[in-house]
Each structure stands twice: as C-alpha cells, then as structure tokens.
Amino acid sequence: MTRPIRLATLLAISLAASAAFAQGAGLQQLQARFAAADTDHDGKLTPAEARAGMPRVAQHFAEIDTDHKGYLTLDDIERFLAARRARPAP
C-alpha cells in the first residue's frame, strides 16, 4: 500500500515540475516575442507593433488595454493571460 502512495506522490511532483517548467518556458517565449515586436524598444506595444509582431495580442488589444493607454506593456499581457488561465472552462 505504501508503494502506490509513493508512486502517486512522485507522479504528482513530476507533473507539477513539468507544468512549472513549461510555464517558465512559455514566459521566456512571450518575453522574446514581445521584445521582437517592440520595434522601437520603448517597452510598449502600439496597435501597429502588435499587429505586425504579435497578431493574437492585436486581436485582443482593447481587452488587454484595460486602462485605455493606447499601448500594451509586457505586464499588461502577462496579467491578461493569467486572468484567462484562471477562468473556469465553459
């Protein structure tokens, strides 16, 4: 009985570690894509930069730009993605 519990625990730990690694890799990819799309390197994506370099972000630009600044920061995009992940599936 102890062995199945150990195996289940090891499986849970490895799955959690894999998810954390994948999330970290996803964050690095997001940061790289943002940096490439931010052509003037001011830390902000305009609608034009988003359309050219991050089309999926551009599709949700108004939804992400909650304070209506007219540009997006990496933090804005990360908050939007975190909120979407936290929503229950329909």
N, C-alpha and C. Protein backbone atom coordinates (compact mmCIF):
# COMPACT_ATOMS: atom_id res chain seq x y z
N MET A 1 0.82 -1.20 0.00
CA MET A 1 0.00 0.00 0.00
C MET A 1 0.86 1.26 0.00
N THR A 2 1.97 1.22 0.68
CA THR A 2 2.85 2.38 0.74
C THR A 2 3.46 2.68 -0.62
N ARG A 3 3.78 1.65 -1.36
CA ARG A 3 4.41 1.85 -2.67
C ARG A 3 3.49 2.61 -3.63
N PRO A 4 2.20 2.26 -3.76
CA PRO A 4 1.33 3.04 -4.65
C PRO A 4 1.22 4.51 -4.24
N ILE A 5 1.24 4.77 -2.94
CA ILE A 5 1.18 6.16 -2.48
C ILE A 5 2.44 6.90 -2.88
N ARG A 6 3.58 6.25 -2.72
CA ARG A 6 4.85 6.87 -3.14
C ARG A 6 4.86 7.15 -4.63
N LEU A 7 4.40 6.17 -5.40
CA LEU A 7 4.36 6.36 -6.85
C LEU A 7 3.43 7.50 -7.24
N ALA A 8 2.28 7.57 -6.60
CA ALA A 8 1.33 8.65 -6.89
C ALA A 8 1.93 10.00 -6.51
N THR A 9 2.63 10.04 -5.39
CA THR A 9 3.27 11.29 -4.96
C THR A 9 4.35 11.71 -5.94
N LEU A 10 5.18 10.76 -6.35
CA LEU A 10 6.22 11.07 -7.33
C LEU A 10 5.63 11.55 -8.65
N LEU A 11 4.56 10.92 -9.07
CA LEU A 11 3.89 11.33 -10.31
C LEU A 11 3.36 12.76 -10.18
N ALA A 12 2.73 13.06 -9.06
CA ALA A 12 2.19 14.41 -8.85
C ALA A 12 3.30 15.45 -8.84
N ILE A 13 4.41 15.14 -8.18
CA ILE A 13 5.54 16.07 -8.14
C ILE A 13 6.12 16.28 -9.53
N SER A 14 6.29 15.21 -10.28
CA SER A 14 6.87 15.36 -11.62
C SER A 14 5.94 16.13 -12.55
N LEU A 15 4.63 15.92 -12.41
CA LEU A 15 3.68 16.68 -13.24
C LEU A 15 3.72 18.16 -12.88
N ALA A 16 3.80 18.46 -11.59
CA ALA A 16 3.86 19.86 -11.16
C ALA A 16 5.15 20.51 -11.66
N ALA A 17 6.26 19.79 -11.58
CA ALA A 17 7.52 20.33 -12.06
C ALA A 17 7.48 20.56 -13.56
N SER A 18 6.88 19.63 -14.29
CA SER A 18 6.76 19.79 -15.74
C SER A 18 5.91 21.00 -16.09
N ALA A 19 4.83 21.19 -15.37
CA ALA A 19 3.96 22.34 -15.63
C ALA A 19 4.68 23.65 -15.32
N ALA A 20 5.43 23.68 -14.23
CA ALA A 20 6.18 24.89 -13.88
C ALA A 20 7.25 25.18 -14.92
N PHE A 21 7.94 24.14 -15.38
CA PHE A 21 8.95 24.32 -16.42
C PHE A 21 8.32 24.83 -17.70
N ALA A 22 7.20 24.25 -18.09
CA ALA A 22 6.52 24.68 -19.31
C ALA A 22 6.05 26.12 -19.19
N GLN A 23 5.56 26.49 -18.02
CA GLN A 23 5.11 27.87 -17.81
C GLN A 23 6.30 28.82 -17.90
N GLY A 24 7.43 28.45 -17.32
CA GLY A 24 8.63 29.27 -17.40
C GLY A 24 9.11 29.42 -18.83
N ALA A 25 9.07 28.32 -19.58
CA ALA A 25 9.47 28.37 -20.99
C ALA A 25 8.50 29.24 -21.77
N GLY A 26 7.21 29.15 -21.45
CA GLY A 26 6.22 29.98 -22.11
C GLY A 26 6.43 31.46 -21.83
N LEU A 27 6.81 31.78 -20.59
CA LEU A 27 7.09 33.17 -20.23
C LEU A 27 8.30 33.69 -20.99
N GLN A 28 9.33 32.87 -21.09
CA GLN A 28 10.52 33.28 -21.85
C GLN A 28 10.17 33.52 -23.31
N GLN A 29 9.34 32.67 -23.87
CA GLN A 29 8.93 32.83 -25.26
C GLN A 29 8.11 34.11 -25.42
N LEU A 30 7.21 34.38 -24.48
CA LEU A 30 6.42 35.60 -24.53
C LEU A 30 7.33 36.83 -24.46
N GLN A 31 8.29 36.81 -23.56
CA GLN A 31 9.22 37.93 -23.43
C GLN A 31 10.01 38.15 -24.71
N ALA A 32 10.46 37.07 -25.33
CA ALA A 32 11.21 37.19 -26.58
C ALA A 32 10.35 37.73 -27.71
N ARG A 33 9.12 37.25 -27.80
CA ARG A 33 8.21 37.73 -28.85
C ARG A 33 7.87 39.20 -28.63
N PHE A 34 7.65 39.59 -27.37
CA PHE A 34 7.36 40.98 -27.07
C PHE A 34 8.54 41.86 -27.48
N ALA A 35 9.75 41.45 -27.10
CA ALA A 35 10.95 42.23 -27.43
C ALA A 35 11.11 42.38 -28.95
N ALA A 36 10.82 41.33 -29.69
CA ALA A 36 10.94 41.39 -31.15
C ALA A 36 9.85 42.29 -31.75
N ALA A 37 8.66 42.26 -31.19
CA ALA A 37 7.56 43.07 -31.72
C ALA A 37 7.72 44.55 -31.36
N ASP A 38 8.38 44.83 -30.25
CA ASP A 38 8.58 46.20 -29.78
C ASP A 38 9.73 46.83 -30.58
N THR A 39 9.43 47.22 -31.80
CA THR A 39 10.48 47.64 -32.74
C THR A 39 11.21 48.90 -32.33
N ASP A 40 10.58 49.78 -31.57
CA ASP A 40 11.29 50.99 -31.13
C ASP A 40 11.89 50.83 -29.73
N HIS A 41 11.75 49.65 -29.16
CA HIS A 41 12.38 49.26 -27.88
C HIS A 41 12.06 50.23 -26.74
N ASP A 42 10.80 50.67 -26.68
CA ASP A 42 10.40 51.56 -25.60
C ASP A 42 9.64 50.83 -24.49
N GLY A 43 9.52 49.50 -24.61
CA GLY A 43 8.82 48.72 -23.60
C GLY A 43 7.31 48.76 -23.73
N LYS A 44 6.84 49.28 -24.87
CA LYS A 44 5.40 49.39 -25.11
C LYS A 44 5.09 48.89 -26.51
N LEU A 45 3.95 48.20 -26.64
CA LEU A 45 3.49 47.77 -27.96
C LEU A 45 2.34 48.66 -28.38
N THR A 46 2.50 49.29 -29.51
CA THR A 46 1.40 50.05 -30.10
C THR A 46 0.50 49.07 -30.85
N PRO A 47 -0.68 49.49 -31.24
CA PRO A 47 -1.52 48.58 -32.05
C PRO A 47 -0.80 48.11 -33.32
N ALA A 48 -0.06 49.00 -33.97
CA ALA A 48 0.66 48.61 -35.19
C ALA A 48 1.75 47.58 -34.90
N GLU A 49 2.51 47.78 -33.82
CA GLU A 49 3.54 46.81 -33.45
C GLU A 49 2.92 45.47 -33.11
N ALA A 50 1.80 45.50 -32.41
CA ALA A 50 1.12 44.25 -32.05
C ALA A 50 0.63 43.53 -33.30
N ARG A 51 0.04 44.26 -34.23
CA ARG A 51 -0.45 43.63 -35.48
C ARG A 51 0.71 42.99 -36.24
N ALA A 52 1.84 43.68 -36.30
CA ALA A 52 2.98 43.18 -37.06
C ALA A 52 3.70 42.03 -36.37
N GLY A 53 3.83 42.09 -35.04
CA GLY A 53 4.67 41.12 -34.35
C GLY A 53 3.97 40.14 -33.44
N MET A 54 2.76 40.48 -33.00
CA MET A 54 2.02 39.60 -32.09
C MET A 54 0.54 39.65 -32.46
N PRO A 55 0.18 39.04 -33.58
CA PRO A 55 -1.20 39.17 -34.08
C PRO A 55 -2.28 38.70 -33.12
N ARG A 56 -2.01 37.69 -32.31
CA ARG A 56 -3.03 37.24 -31.35
C ARG A 56 -3.23 38.27 -30.26
N VAL A 57 -2.17 38.94 -29.86
CA VAL A 57 -2.29 40.03 -28.90
C VAL A 57 -3.08 41.17 -29.55
N ALA A 58 -2.80 41.45 -30.81
CA ALA A 58 -3.51 42.51 -31.52
C ALA A 58 -5.01 42.25 -31.56
N GLN A 59 -5.40 40.99 -31.71
CA GLN A 59 -6.82 40.64 -31.74
C GLN A 59 -7.53 41.00 -30.43
N HIS A 60 -6.79 41.00 -29.34
CA HIS A 60 -7.37 41.26 -28.01
C HIS A 60 -6.86 42.59 -27.43
N PHE A 61 -6.31 43.45 -28.28
CA PHE A 61 -5.65 44.67 -27.82
C PHE A 61 -6.54 45.47 -26.87
N ALA A 62 -7.76 45.78 -27.29
CA ALA A 62 -8.66 46.60 -26.47
C ALA A 62 -9.01 45.92 -25.16
N GLU A 63 -9.12 44.61 -25.19
CA GLU A 63 -9.43 43.84 -23.99
C GLU A 63 -8.25 43.85 -23.01
N ILE A 64 -7.03 43.82 -23.54
CA ILE A 64 -5.82 43.82 -22.70
C ILE A 64 -5.55 45.23 -22.16
N ASP A 65 -5.79 46.24 -22.98
CA ASP A 65 -5.53 47.64 -22.61
C ASP A 65 -6.66 48.17 -21.74
N THR A 66 -6.75 47.65 -20.52
CA THR A 66 -7.88 47.96 -19.64
C THR A 66 -7.92 49.42 -19.20
N ASP A 67 -6.77 50.08 -19.15
CA ASP A 67 -6.78 51.49 -18.75
C ASP A 67 -6.69 52.44 -19.94
N HIS A 68 -6.88 51.91 -21.13
CA HIS A 68 -7.02 52.70 -22.37
C HIS A 68 -5.86 53.66 -22.61
N LYS A 69 -4.64 53.13 -22.46
CA LYS A 69 -3.44 53.94 -22.69
C LYS A 69 -3.12 54.06 -24.17
N GLY A 70 -3.58 53.09 -24.96
CA GLY A 70 -3.25 53.07 -26.37
C GLY A 70 -2.00 52.27 -26.67
N TYR A 71 -1.44 51.63 -25.66
CA TYR A 71 -0.29 50.75 -25.83
C TYR A 71 -0.37 49.66 -24.77
N LEU A 72 0.42 48.60 -24.97
CA LEU A 72 0.47 47.49 -24.03
C LEU A 72 1.90 47.30 -23.54
N THR A 73 2.03 46.97 -22.27
CA THR A 73 3.33 46.57 -21.74
C THR A 73 3.33 45.04 -21.59
N LEU A 74 4.49 44.50 -21.36
CA LEU A 74 4.60 43.06 -21.13
C LEU A 74 3.77 42.68 -19.90
N ASP A 75 3.79 43.51 -18.87
CA ASP A 75 2.99 43.23 -17.67
C ASP A 75 1.50 43.17 -17.99
N ASP A 76 1.03 44.08 -18.86
CA ASP A 76 -0.39 44.06 -19.27
C ASP A 76 -0.75 42.71 -19.88
N ILE A 77 0.11 42.23 -20.77
CA ILE A 77 -0.16 40.97 -21.48
C ILE A 77 -0.10 39.80 -20.50
N GLU A 78 0.89 39.81 -19.61
CA GLU A 78 1.00 38.73 -18.62
C GLU A 78 -0.22 38.69 -17.71
N ARG A 79 -0.70 39.85 -17.26
CA ARG A 79 -1.91 39.89 -16.42
C ARG A 79 -3.12 39.34 -17.16
N PHE A 80 -3.25 39.72 -18.42
CA PHE A 80 -4.37 39.24 -19.24
C PHE A 80 -4.32 37.72 -19.37
N LEU A 81 -3.14 37.19 -19.67
CA LEU A 81 -3.01 35.74 -19.83
C LEU A 81 -3.26 35.00 -18.51
N ALA A 82 -2.78 35.55 -17.41
CA ALA A 82 -3.01 34.93 -16.10
C ALA A 82 -4.50 34.91 -15.77
N ALA A 83 -5.18 35.99 -16.07
CA ALA A 83 -6.63 36.05 -15.81
C ALA A 83 -7.37 35.04 -16.67
N ARG A 84 -6.94 34.87 -17.90
CA ARG A 84 -7.59 33.89 -18.78
C ARG A 84 -7.35 32.47 -18.31
N ARG A 85 -6.15 32.20 -17.82
CA ARG A 85 -5.85 30.85 -17.30
C ARG A 85 -6.67 30.56 -16.06
N ALA A 86 -6.95 31.58 -15.26
CA ALA A 86 -7.67 31.39 -14.00
C ALA A 86 -9.17 31.20 -14.21
N ARG A 87 -9.67 31.60 -15.37
CA ARG A 87 -11.11 31.44 -15.64
C ARG A 87 -11.47 29.98 -15.81
N PRO A 88 -12.60 29.57 -15.26
CA PRO A 88 -13.04 28.18 -15.48
C PRO A 88 -13.43 27.96 -16.94
N ALA A 89 -13.17 26.79 -17.42
CA ALA A 89 -13.54 26.44 -18.80
C ALA A 89 -15.06 26.43 -18.94
N PRO A 90 -15.55 26.84 -20.11
CA PRO A 90 -17.01 26.85 -20.31
C PRO A 90 -17.60 25.46 -20.37
